[in-house]
Each structure stands twice: as C-alpha cells, then as structure tokens.
Amino acid sequence: MLSVKNTITLSLNSKLAEAAEKSRRIMQKYKENAFKSKTISEMLSDKFEYKGKRPGIIYIKNAKNGRPVEAKLVVDRQYIANFPGAMQETYSLKDDYNRLIGEKTFIVKRNNDGTYRMLPGEMVNYSRDFSGVGFRLDQIQIERALMLNISAIPRDATAKATLYHTKMGFLPVENRLVELRDGDNLDDFVKKEFNSYRKSIPLEKFVPIVVQKDGKFYIDINKTIANANLQKCKEIIERTKVRRILALEAAMSYLRLGGEELMRWKKLLEGHSILERLKINLSGP
C-alpha cells in the first residue's frame, strides 16, 4: 500500500516527467531555427563567388543595394606563449581603403594525440555599410575546423546574437544541471534562479528546460537561458523588422556547431571554399 509520502513523490515525478517531455519538444522547436537563413543560400551562390584576378579578395554585400562588393581577407596567425600547441588566428576583412570591415579571432589547439580543437573566439563588425560580414567570417572558421577534422566549434553567444548563431547551426549545449528535489516548485525555482540572468528579458520567457537522467530531474540552466534569448530575439525581429539586433541586455549562453549541423555545413561549402580558393598557408600549429 502506498504511503502519503510515496503518493506525493509519484505525483511530483509525474509532473516533472511531463515538464521533461515539454522541454524536449521546446528544444526540438529550437533546433528548427537552424539554417533558416536566406543569407546562407545567397552568400554561397555563384553571384557571390569572386572570380576576379585580385589576390585575397572575396565578396560580401553592399547593405544598401544588396550587390556583391569586394573585401580583402587578411590573415594573422601567432603562437601563444605558455600555451603549447596553441595558435591564435585572426581573419580580417578590409575595404579598398584598407579600413577594417570586420574581424574574427579564435584559438586552434593541437592536442597531445595529434587531434585539434577550437576555443571560443570573438567577432567584431566595424561597419553598417556592408552585410554578410559575420557570415563570411563564420564560414572561414567553419572551413578551418573542417580542414583540421575538428568535431565541434564552441561559441559564447551574447543574447542579441542568439538568433543569428542559431540560424548558422550553433545549438545550446547541456551545461550546469541543477537537480530538482521533492517539493521544488518550478515557478519558484525560475524566479529564484533566473532573476539575475534575465536583465531586460521578462521572467516569463524563461521556460525551464527540464531533463531526466537516471531517474532524477534537472533544470538545464544554459538551455533555459539560450531559449529565452532566442525567443526574445525573434520577438524583436518580428516587431521591429530590423536586420540586426544591436542591443539586448541579458545573460550569454554556450552554443556549439557539431554533429549533423557541422556535416550539413561541409555539404554546403562544397565548391564554395574561401580558404581553398585563396590557397592560404595554414600549416601548424
């Protein structure tokens, strides 16, 4: 015969199991945003494939008329002191006046077994006169990862860039699981745990992403934050029709490009490689 305590526990577990199933559906919906980008198909088309004679030139887009415009790719690679096998790589795009348009920096690390991994980097866009800058710099980083047989590219995503990164195939990783104990109320947990993360995002956007492992239930803090950021970005885009979100004060989340998403990129890049066409020397580290 079930005791009152066991009955309550079963009831709580049933509610958490329902929350875990709801969370699974939410994250499946989240994943459907990947590769929903006109920029990908446009920038990887013949129209934006540079076929001229100038060395180091690629095409980005004029933000006003949407036409291809030339940009020079400049590569700088430096070994990092006191970090054996690591090299910082910086890829810069410059206009005809040698002014910086955009820049991406990341670290490639050679592991002891000869394999490679990437560390999260950063990207800066210096001009609103061009579009497709972030895309091209991401394309280069993805090409670099494929060149080195790197299985995943990590990304520290600011709230305002969450939708962009997701469209590029970067999805939130499982990070910082907090166990839900008997008697924990999800609404109270959200108010307590996410109030400091939300900043300019309403607390109701933080739908707790619950996962079940070995009979226990946890809230995935990172996926909850990423989903809240994504929903807020989509809301802003839909309301304002802006091309790029310039400001959104909220916590960052941790994403990665790997698995089937990275393999999809490999297929997309066939015949459109920048690094291969420019024949840039990328030996080492």
C-alpha atoms as a PDB file:
ATOM      1  CA  MET A   1       0.000   0.000   0.000  1.00  0.00           C
ATOM      2  CA  LEU A   2       1.390   3.409  -0.983  1.00  0.00           C
ATOM      3  CA  SER A   3       2.078   5.870   1.796  1.00  0.00           C
ATOM      4  CA  VAL A   4       1.063   9.526   1.534  1.00  0.00           C
ATOM      5  CA  LYS A   5       4.737  10.446   1.047  1.00  0.00           C
ATOM      6  CA  ASN A   6       5.174   7.961  -1.795  1.00  0.00           C
ATOM      7  CA  THR A   7       1.946   9.151  -3.419  1.00  0.00           C
ATOM      8  CA  ILE A   8       3.184  12.766  -3.300  1.00  0.00           C
ATOM      9  CA  THR A   9       6.566  11.723  -4.718  1.00  0.00           C
ATOM     10  CA  LEU A  10       4.927   9.863  -7.604  1.00  0.00           C
ATOM     11  CA  SER A  11       2.738  12.892  -8.305  1.00  0.00           C
ATOM     12  CA  LEU A  12       5.756  15.225  -8.342  1.00  0.00           C
ATOM     13  CA  ASN A  13       7.734  12.860 -10.551  1.00  0.00           C
ATOM     14  CA  SER A  14       4.788  12.672 -12.930  1.00  0.00           C
ATOM     15  CA  LYS A  15       4.689  16.471 -13.191  1.00  0.00           C
ATOM     16  CA  LEU A  16       8.446  16.643 -13.734  1.00  0.00           C
ATOM     17  CA  ALA A  17       8.240  13.894 -16.356  1.00  0.00           C
ATOM     18  CA  GLU A  18       5.619  15.992 -18.160  1.00  0.00           C
ATOM     19  CA  ALA A  19       7.921  19.027 -17.872  1.00  0.00           C
ATOM     20  CA  ALA A  20      10.808  16.998 -19.322  1.00  0.00           C
ATOM     21  CA  GLU A  21       8.675  15.930 -22.300  1.00  0.00           C
ATOM     22  CA  LYS A  22       7.555  19.531 -22.830  1.00  0.00           C
ATOM     23  CA  SER A  23      11.209  20.610 -22.686  1.00  0.00           C
ATOM     24  CA  ARG A  24      12.153  18.036 -25.304  1.00  0.00           C
ATOM     25  CA  ARG A  25       9.536  19.490 -27.651  1.00  0.00           C
ATOM     26  CA  ILE A  26      10.719  23.035 -26.945  1.00  0.00           C
ATOM     27  CA  MET A  27      14.321  22.195 -27.810  1.00  0.00           C
ATOM     28  CA  GLN A  28      13.210  20.350 -30.953  1.00  0.00           C
ATOM     29  CA  LYS A  29      11.372  23.533 -31.945  1.00  0.00           C
ATOM     30  CA  TYR A  30      14.515  25.498 -31.094  1.00  0.00           C
ATOM     31  CA  LYS A  31      16.550  23.312 -33.442  1.00  0.00           C
ATOM     32  CA  GLU A  32      14.146  24.023 -36.323  1.00  0.00           C
ATOM     33  CA  ASN A  33      15.533  27.579 -36.470  1.00  0.00           C
ATOM     34  CA  ALA A  34      18.908  26.262 -37.644  1.00  0.00           C
ATOM     35  CA  PHE A  35      19.749  27.065 -41.279  1.00  0.00           C
ATOM     36  CA  LYS A  36      16.570  29.122 -41.742  1.00  0.00           C
ATOM     37  CA  SER A  37      18.592  31.884 -43.340  1.00  0.00           C
ATOM     38  CA  LYS A  38      18.376  33.424 -46.787  1.00  0.00           C
ATOM     39  CA  THR A  39      21.916  34.707 -46.232  1.00  0.00           C
ATOM     40  CA  ILE A  40      23.361  31.180 -46.342  1.00  0.00           C
ATOM     41  CA  SER A  41      21.898  30.299 -49.739  1.00  0.00           C
ATOM     42  CA  GLU A  42      22.627  33.764 -51.138  1.00  0.00           C
ATOM     43  CA  MET A  43      26.242  34.066 -49.985  1.00  0.00           C
ATOM     44  CA  LEU A  44      27.040  30.511 -51.111  1.00  0.00           C
ATOM     45  CA  SER A  45      25.759  31.147 -54.634  1.00  0.00           C
ATOM     46  CA  ASP A  46      27.581  31.906 -57.887  1.00  0.00           C
ATOM     47  CA  LYS A  47      26.504  35.547 -57.608  1.00  0.00           C
ATOM     48  CA  PHE A  48      28.703  35.990 -54.533  1.00  0.00           C
ATOM     49  CA  GLU A  49      31.586  33.823 -55.763  1.00  0.00           C
ATOM     50  CA  TYR A  50      34.513  36.123 -56.595  1.00  0.00           C
ATOM     51  CA  LYS A  51      36.050  35.202 -59.953  1.00  0.00           C
ATOM     52  CA  GLY A  52      38.375  38.149 -60.467  1.00  0.00           C
ATOM     53  CA  LYS A  53      42.162  38.226 -60.527  1.00  0.00           C
ATOM     54  CA  ARG A  54      42.926  40.289 -57.414  1.00  0.00           C
ATOM     55  CA  PRO A  55      44.628  38.166 -54.729  1.00  0.00           C
ATOM     56  CA  GLY A  56      42.930  37.669 -51.356  1.00  0.00           C
ATOM     57  CA  ILE A  57      39.571  39.075 -52.480  1.00  0.00           C
ATOM     58  CA  ILE A  58      36.151  37.718 -51.518  1.00  0.00           C
ATOM     59  CA  TYR A  59      32.631  39.081 -51.899  1.00  0.00           C
ATOM     60  CA  ILE A  60      30.446  40.467 -49.146  1.00  0.00           C
ATOM     61  CA  LYS A  61      27.274  42.507 -49.700  1.00  0.00           C
ATOM     62  CA  ASN A  62      26.529  46.206 -50.048  1.00  0.00           C
ATOM     63  CA  ALA A  63      23.950  46.841 -47.304  1.00  0.00           C
ATOM     64  CA  LYS A  64      22.079  49.446 -49.349  1.00  0.00           C
ATOM     65  CA  ASN A  65      21.648  47.799 -52.736  1.00  0.00           C
ATOM     66  CA  GLY A  66      22.378  44.137 -51.916  1.00  0.00           C
ATOM     67  CA  ARG A  67      25.052  43.842 -54.606  1.00  0.00           C
ATOM     68  CA  PRO A  68      28.341  41.955 -54.218  1.00  0.00           C
ATOM     69  CA  VAL A  69      31.226  44.152 -53.084  1.00  0.00           C
ATOM     70  CA  GLU A  70      34.907  43.247 -52.816  1.00  0.00           C
ATOM     71  CA  ALA A  71      36.674  42.826 -49.489  1.00  0.00           C
ATOM     72  CA  LYS A  72      40.275  41.805 -48.880  1.00  0.00           C
ATOM     73  CA  LEU A  73      40.921  38.946 -46.485  1.00  0.00           C
ATOM     74  CA  VAL A  74      43.977  39.397 -44.269  1.00  0.00           C
ATOM     75  CA  VAL A  75      45.182  36.510 -42.084  1.00  0.00           C
ATOM     76  CA  ASP A  76      47.370  36.787 -38.997  1.00  0.00           C
ATOM     77  CA  ARG A  77      48.486  33.729 -37.020  1.00  0.00           C
ATOM     78  CA  GLN A  78      50.611  33.756 -33.892  1.00  0.00           C
ATOM     79  CA  TYR A  79      51.753  31.073 -31.494  1.00  0.00           C
ATOM     80  CA  ILE A  80      50.651  31.728 -27.904  1.00  0.00           C
ATOM     81  CA  ALA A  81      53.371  31.906 -25.271  1.00  0.00           C
ATOM     82  CA  ASN A  82      52.956  29.460 -22.368  1.00  0.00           C
ATOM     83  CA  PHE A  83      50.219  27.578 -24.232  1.00  0.00           C
ATOM     84  CA  PRO A  84      51.996  24.742 -26.093  1.00  0.00           C
ATOM     85  CA  GLY A  85      50.463  23.729 -29.396  1.00  0.00           C
ATOM     86  CA  ALA A  86      48.101  26.708 -29.462  1.00  0.00           C
ATOM     87  CA  MET A  87      47.849  29.358 -32.144  1.00  0.00           C
ATOM     88  CA  GLN A  88      45.706  32.464 -32.279  1.00  0.00           C
ATOM     89  CA  GLU A  89      44.251  33.044 -35.713  1.00  0.00           C
ATOM     90  CA  THR A  90      42.771  36.385 -36.775  1.00  0.00           C
ATOM     91  CA  TYR A  91      40.872  36.827 -40.032  1.00  0.00           C
ATOM     92  CA  SER A  92      40.234  40.452 -41.021  1.00  0.00           C
ATOM     93  CA  LEU A  93      38.146  41.890 -43.850  1.00  0.00           C
ATOM     94  CA  LYS A  94      39.206  45.277 -45.259  1.00  0.00           C
ATOM     95  CA  ASP A  95      37.749  47.621 -47.849  1.00  0.00           C
ATOM     96  CA  ASP A  96      39.563  49.274 -50.777  1.00  0.00           C
ATOM     97  CA  TYR A  97      40.834  51.991 -48.433  1.00  0.00           C
ATOM     98  CA  ASN A  98      42.383  49.380 -46.118  1.00  0.00           C
ATOM     99  CA  ARG A  99      39.781  50.129 -43.428  1.00  0.00           C
ATOM    100  CA  LEU A 100      38.630  47.274 -41.210  1.00  0.00           C
ATOM    101  CA  ILE A 101      35.160  45.996 -42.014  1.00  0.00           C
ATOM    102  CA  GLY A 102      35.102  43.036 -39.663  1.00  0.00           C
ATOM    103  CA  GLU A 103      37.398  40.718 -37.748  1.00  0.00           C
ATOM    104  CA  LYS A 104      37.209  37.243 -36.198  1.00  0.00           C
ATOM    105  CA  THR A 105      39.738  35.791 -33.765  1.00  0.00           C
ATOM    106  CA  PHE A 106      39.852  32.273 -32.339  1.00  0.00           C
ATOM    107  CA  ILE A 107      42.404  29.786 -30.992  1.00  0.00           C
ATOM    108  CA  VAL A 108      43.332  26.446 -32.533  1.00  0.00           C
ATOM    109  CA  LYS A 109      44.916  23.980 -30.095  1.00  0.00           C
ATOM    110  CA  ARG A 110      46.792  20.827 -31.042  1.00  0.00           C
ATOM    111  CA  ASN A 111      46.079  18.048 -28.528  1.00  0.00           C
ATOM    112  CA  ASN A 112      48.651  15.555 -27.319  1.00  0.00           C
ATOM    113  CA  ASP A 113      47.154  12.822 -29.512  1.00  0.00           C
ATOM    114  CA  GLY A 114      47.567  14.949 -32.643  1.00  0.00           C
ATOM    115  CA  THR A 115      43.926  15.956 -32.952  1.00  0.00           C
ATOM    116  CA  TYR A 116      42.788  19.579 -32.845  1.00  0.00           C
ATOM    117  CA  ARG A 117      40.177  21.610 -31.039  1.00  0.00           C
ATOM    118  CA  MET A 118      38.951  25.187 -31.170  1.00  0.00           C
ATOM    119  CA  LEU A 119      38.447  27.555 -28.275  1.00  0.00           C
ATOM    120  CA  PRO A 120      35.661  30.163 -28.294  1.00  0.00           C
ATOM    121  CA  GLY A 121      36.701  33.348 -30.058  1.00  0.00           C
ATOM    122  CA  GLU A 122      35.159  36.692 -30.848  1.00  0.00           C
ATOM    123  CA  MET A 123      33.916  38.606 -33.859  1.00  0.00           C
ATOM    124  CA  VAL A 124      33.629  42.368 -34.360  1.00  0.00           C
ATOM    125  CA  ASN A 125      31.722  44.110 -37.150  1.00  0.00           C
ATOM    126  CA  TYR A 126      33.053  47.631 -37.719  1.00  0.00           C
ATOM    127  CA  SER A 127      30.711  48.898 -40.433  1.00  0.00           C
ATOM    128  CA  ARG A 128      26.989  49.101 -41.176  1.00  0.00           C
ATOM    129  CA  ASP A 129      27.687  49.743 -44.858  1.00  0.00           C
ATOM    130  CA  PHE A 130      28.099  46.023 -45.507  1.00  0.00           C
ATOM    131  CA  SER A 131      26.181  42.861 -44.696  1.00  0.00           C
ATOM    132  CA  GLY A 132      27.265  39.230 -44.799  1.00  0.00           C
ATOM    133  CA  VAL A 133      30.440  40.144 -42.897  1.00  0.00           C
ATOM    134  CA  GLY A 134      29.702  37.895 -39.915  1.00  0.00           C
ATOM    135  CA  PHE A 135      28.621  35.141 -42.273  1.00  0.00           C
ATOM    136  CA  ARG A 136      31.889  35.219 -44.237  1.00  0.00           C
ATOM    137  CA  LEU A 137      33.980  35.198 -41.067  1.00  0.00           C
ATOM    138  CA  ASP A 138      31.936  32.319 -39.678  1.00  0.00           C
ATOM    139  CA  GLN A 139      32.310  30.497 -42.986  1.00  0.00           C
ATOM    140  CA  ILE A 140      36.088  30.822 -42.715  1.00  0.00           C
ATOM    141  CA  GLN A 141      36.109  29.498 -39.148  1.00  0.00           C
ATOM    142  CA  ILE A 142      33.923  26.545 -40.142  1.00  0.00           C
ATOM    143  CA  GLU A 143      36.168  25.801 -43.125  1.00  0.00           C
ATOM    144  CA  ARG A 144      39.159  25.916 -40.790  1.00  0.00           C
ATOM    145  CA  ALA A 145      37.522  23.440 -38.397  1.00  0.00           C
ATOM    146  CA  LEU A 146      36.693  21.043 -41.233  1.00  0.00           C
ATOM    147  CA  MET A 147      40.250  21.354 -42.532  1.00  0.00           C
ATOM    148  CA  LEU A 148      41.564  20.169 -39.151  1.00  0.00           C
ATOM    149  CA  ASN A 149      38.865  17.498 -38.611  1.00  0.00           C
ATOM    150  CA  ILE A 150      37.624  19.355 -35.541  1.00  0.00           C
ATOM    151  CA  SER A 151      34.367  17.788 -34.373  1.00  0.00           C
ATOM    152  CA  ALA A 152      32.759  20.848 -32.791  1.00  0.00           C
ATOM    153  CA  ILE A 153      33.117  24.632 -32.714  1.00  0.00           C
ATOM    154  CA  PRO A 154      32.227  26.192 -29.345  1.00  0.00           C
ATOM    155  CA  ARG A 155      30.627  29.604 -29.157  1.00  0.00           C
ATOM    156  CA  ASP A 156      29.933  32.022 -26.308  1.00  0.00           C
ATOM    157  CA  ALA A 157      26.793  33.742 -27.581  1.00  0.00           C
ATOM    158  CA  THR A 158      25.644  37.153 -26.450  1.00  0.00           C
ATOM    159  CA  ALA A 159      21.886  37.436 -26.044  1.00  0.00           C
ATOM    160  CA  LYS A 160      21.464  39.757 -29.049  1.00  0.00           C
ATOM    161  CA  ALA A 161      23.299  37.329 -31.372  1.00  0.00           C
ATOM    162  CA  THR A 162      21.469  34.145 -30.310  1.00  0.00           C
ATOM    163  CA  LEU A 163      19.121  34.038 -33.293  1.00  0.00           C
ATOM    164  CA  TYR A 164      21.962  34.678 -35.751  1.00  0.00           C
ATOM    165  CA  HIS A 165      24.142  31.914 -34.280  1.00  0.00           C
ATOM    166  CA  THR A 166      21.202  29.509 -34.219  1.00  0.00           C
ATOM    167  CA  LYS A 167      20.454  30.156 -37.892  1.00  0.00           C
ATOM    168  CA  MET A 168      24.100  29.310 -38.563  1.00  0.00           C
ATOM    169  CA  GLY A 169      23.602  25.900 -36.925  1.00  0.00           C
ATOM    170  CA  PHE A 170      25.013  26.621 -33.465  1.00  0.00           C
ATOM    171  CA  LEU A 171      22.856  24.959 -30.805  1.00  0.00           C
ATOM    172  CA  PRO A 172      22.922  25.210 -26.978  1.00  0.00           C
ATOM    173  CA  VAL A 173      24.973  22.647 -25.079  1.00  0.00           C
ATOM    174  CA  GLU A 174      23.911  20.877 -21.906  1.00  0.00           C
ATOM    175  CA  ASN A 175      25.508  22.961 -19.194  1.00  0.00           C
ATOM    176  CA  ARG A 176      25.058  23.420 -15.441  1.00  0.00           C
ATOM    177  CA  LEU A 177      22.368  20.954 -14.463  1.00  0.00           C
ATOM    178  CA  VAL A 178      20.613  21.762 -11.187  1.00  0.00           C
ATOM    179  CA  GLU A 179      18.760  18.871  -9.579  1.00  0.00           C
ATOM    180  CA  LEU A 180      15.120  19.333  -8.693  1.00  0.00           C
ATOM    181  CA  ARG A 181      14.331  17.921  -5.255  1.00  0.00           C
ATOM    182  CA  ASP A 182      10.998  16.654  -3.957  1.00  0.00           C
ATOM    183  CA  GLY A 183       8.772  19.608  -3.237  1.00  0.00           C
ATOM    184  CA  ASP A 184      10.586  22.032  -5.566  1.00  0.00           C
ATOM    185  CA  ASN A 185       8.150  24.261  -7.388  1.00  0.00           C
ATOM    186  CA  LEU A 186       9.204  25.100 -10.958  1.00  0.00           C
ATOM    187  CA  ASP A 187       7.735  28.608 -10.857  1.00  0.00           C
ATOM    188  CA  ASP A 188       9.504  29.407  -7.592  1.00  0.00           C
ATOM    189  CA  PHE A 189      12.721  27.901  -8.943  1.00  0.00           C
ATOM    190  CA  VAL A 190      12.575  30.093 -12.053  1.00  0.00           C
ATOM    191  CA  LYS A 191      12.015  33.247 -10.006  1.00  0.00           C
ATOM    192  CA  LYS A 192      14.925  32.419  -7.724  1.00  0.00           C
ATOM    193  CA  GLU A 193      17.409  31.068 -10.295  1.00  0.00           C
ATOM    194  CA  PHE A 194      16.857  33.237 -13.363  1.00  0.00           C
ATOM    195  CA  ASN A 195      16.033  36.652 -11.911  1.00  0.00           C
ATOM    196  CA  SER A 196      19.713  37.626 -12.040  1.00  0.00           C
ATOM    197  CA  TYR A 197      20.119  36.342 -15.617  1.00  0.00           C
ATOM    198  CA  ARG A 198      17.106  37.948 -17.234  1.00  0.00           C
ATOM    199  CA  LYS A 199      18.036  41.669 -17.137  1.00  0.00           C
ATOM    200  CA  SER A 200      15.925  43.128 -19.975  1.00  0.00           C
ATOM    201  CA  ILE A 201      14.146  39.837 -20.763  1.00  0.00           C
ATOM    202  CA  PRO A 202      10.838  39.235 -18.935  1.00  0.00           C
ATOM    203  CA  LEU A 203      10.957  36.379 -16.452  1.00  0.00           C
ATOM    204  CA  GLU A 204       8.062  34.609 -18.209  1.00  0.00           C
ATOM    205  CA  LYS A 205      10.366  33.981 -21.198  1.00  0.00           C
ATOM    206  CA  PHE A 206      12.427  31.648 -19.020  1.00  0.00           C
ATOM    207  CA  VAL A 207      10.594  28.377 -19.539  1.00  0.00           C
ATOM    208  CA  PRO A 208      12.593  25.826 -17.502  1.00  0.00           C
ATOM    209  CA  ILE A 209      14.243  23.189 -19.667  1.00  0.00           C
ATOM    210  CA  VAL A 210      13.916  20.002 -17.612  1.00  0.00           C
ATOM    211  CA  VAL A 211      15.914  16.852 -18.345  1.00  0.00           C
ATOM    212  CA  GLN A 212      15.710  13.401 -16.778  1.00  0.00           C
ATOM    213  CA  LYS A 213      18.845  11.403 -16.044  1.00  0.00           C
ATOM    214  CA  ASP A 214      18.991   8.098 -14.149  1.00  0.00           C
ATOM    215  CA  GLY A 215      15.601   8.652 -12.567  1.00  0.00           C
ATOM    216  CA  LYS A 216      16.430  12.189 -11.415  1.00  0.00           C
ATOM    217  CA  PHE A 217      15.213  15.501 -12.818  1.00  0.00           C
ATOM    218  CA  TYR A 218      17.314  18.567 -13.507  1.00  0.00           C
ATOM    219  CA  ILE A 219      16.930  22.030 -14.948  1.00  0.00           C
ATOM    220  CA  ASP A 220      19.471  22.808 -17.664  1.00  0.00           C
ATOM    221  CA  ILE A 221      20.418  26.397 -16.878  1.00  0.00           C
ATOM    222  CA  ASN A 222      22.223  27.066 -20.160  1.00  0.00           C
ATOM    223  CA  LYS A 223      19.472  25.752 -22.438  1.00  0.00           C
ATOM    224  CA  THR A 224      16.863  27.677 -20.463  1.00  0.00           C
ATOM    225  CA  ILE A 225      18.834  30.910 -20.947  1.00  0.00           C
ATOM    226  CA  ALA A 226      19.511  30.205 -24.639  1.00  0.00           C
ATOM    227  CA  ASN A 227      15.842  29.517 -25.337  1.00  0.00           C
ATOM    228  CA  ALA A 228      14.752  32.707 -23.536  1.00  0.00           C
ATOM    229  CA  ASN A 229      17.301  34.726 -25.522  1.00  0.00           C
ATOM    230  CA  LEU A 230      16.203  33.153 -28.794  1.00  0.00           C
ATOM    231  CA  GLN A 231      12.514  33.853 -28.175  1.00  0.00           C
ATOM    232  CA  LYS A 232      13.262  37.469 -27.254  1.00  0.00           C
ATOM    233  CA  CYS A 233      15.388  37.931 -30.403  1.00  0.00           C
ATOM    234  CA  LYS A 234      12.607  36.549 -32.586  1.00  0.00           C
ATOM    235  CA  GLU A 235      10.095  38.819 -30.887  1.00  0.00           C
ATOM    236  CA  ILE A 236      12.271  41.894 -31.520  1.00  0.00           C
ATOM    237  CA  ILE A 237      12.839  40.966 -35.179  1.00  0.00           C
ATOM    238  CA  GLU A 238       9.140  40.354 -35.765  1.00  0.00           C
ATOM    239  CA  ARG A 239       8.101  43.605 -34.062  1.00  0.00           C
ATOM    240  CA  THR A 240      10.723  45.965 -35.473  1.00  0.00           C
ATOM    241  CA  LYS A 241      11.670  44.251 -38.787  1.00  0.00           C
ATOM    242  CA  VAL A 242      15.328  45.144 -38.095  1.00  0.00           C
ATOM    243  CA  ARG A 243      18.093  43.279 -39.920  1.00  0.00           C
ATOM    244  CA  ARG A 244      20.427  43.135 -36.938  1.00  0.00           C
ATOM    245  CA  ILE A 245      19.742  43.411 -33.192  1.00  0.00           C
ATOM    246  CA  LEU A 246      22.214  45.961 -31.865  1.00  0.00           C
ATOM    247  CA  ALA A 247      21.406  45.715 -28.163  1.00  0.00           C
ATOM    248  CA  LEU A 248      19.795  43.200 -25.804  1.00  0.00           C
ATOM    249  CA  GLU A 249      20.868  43.207 -22.189  1.00  0.00           C
ATOM    250  CA  ALA A 250      20.740  39.617 -20.910  1.00  0.00           C
ATOM    251  CA  ALA A 251      22.961  36.696 -19.954  1.00  0.00           C
ATOM    252  CA  MET A 252      25.077  34.930 -22.567  1.00  0.00           C
ATOM    253  CA  SER A 253      24.711  31.238 -23.399  1.00  0.00           C
ATOM    254  CA  TYR A 254      27.035  28.477 -24.608  1.00  0.00           C
ATOM    255  CA  LEU A 255      26.472  27.016 -28.058  1.00  0.00           C
ATOM    256  CA  ARG A 256      28.290  24.620 -30.363  1.00  0.00           C
ATOM    257  CA  LEU A 257      28.322  23.648 -34.016  1.00  0.00           C
ATOM    258  CA  GLY A 258      28.875  19.930 -34.389  1.00  0.00           C
ATOM    259  CA  GLY A 259      27.335  16.636 -35.417  1.00  0.00           C
ATOM    260  CA  GLU A 260      24.781  16.738 -38.221  1.00  0.00           C
ATOM    261  CA  GLU A 261      24.863  20.555 -38.318  1.00  0.00           C
ATOM    262  CA  LEU A 262      28.613  20.608 -38.989  1.00  0.00           C
ATOM    263  CA  MET A 263      28.206  17.903 -41.644  1.00  0.00           C
ATOM    264  CA  ARG A 264      25.488  19.976 -43.265  1.00  0.00           C
ATOM    265  CA  TRP A 265      27.978  22.851 -43.472  1.00  0.00           C
ATOM    266  CA  LYS A 266      30.507  20.541 -45.080  1.00  0.00           C
ATOM    267  CA  LYS A 267      27.988  19.796 -47.819  1.00  0.00           C
ATOM    268  CA  LEU A 268      27.026  23.467 -48.232  1.00  0.00           C
ATOM    269  CA  LEU A 269      30.657  24.517 -48.647  1.00  0.00           C
ATOM    270  CA  GLU A 270      31.425  22.115 -51.484  1.00  0.00           C
ATOM    271  CA  GLY A 271      32.600  24.270 -54.379  1.00  0.00           C
ATOM    272  CA  HIS A 272      32.427  27.471 -52.306  1.00  0.00           C
ATOM    273  CA  SER A 273      35.524  27.259 -50.092  1.00  0.00           C
ATOM    274  CA  ILE A 274      37.291  30.562 -49.406  1.00  0.00           C
ATOM    275  CA  LEU A 275      40.457  29.158 -47.836  1.00  0.00           C
ATOM    276  CA  GLU A 276      40.865  26.549 -50.561  1.00  0.00           C
ATOM    277  CA  ARG A 277      40.411  29.054 -53.385  1.00  0.00           C
ATOM    278  CA  LEU A 278      42.765  31.631 -51.861  1.00  0.00           C
ATOM    279  CA  LYS A 279      45.407  28.952 -51.171  1.00  0.00           C
ATOM    280  CA  ILE A 280      46.306  30.487 -47.792  1.00  0.00           C
ATOM    281  CA  ASN A 281      49.179  28.770 -45.997  1.00  0.00           C
ATOM    282  CA  LEU A 282      47.687  27.434 -42.759  1.00  0.00           C
ATOM    283  CA  SER A 283      50.284  24.884 -41.703  1.00  0.00           C
ATOM    284  CA  GLY A 284      50.593  24.206 -37.975  1.00  0.00           C
ATOM    285  CA  PRO A 285      50.225  24.566 -35.098  1.00  0.00           C
END
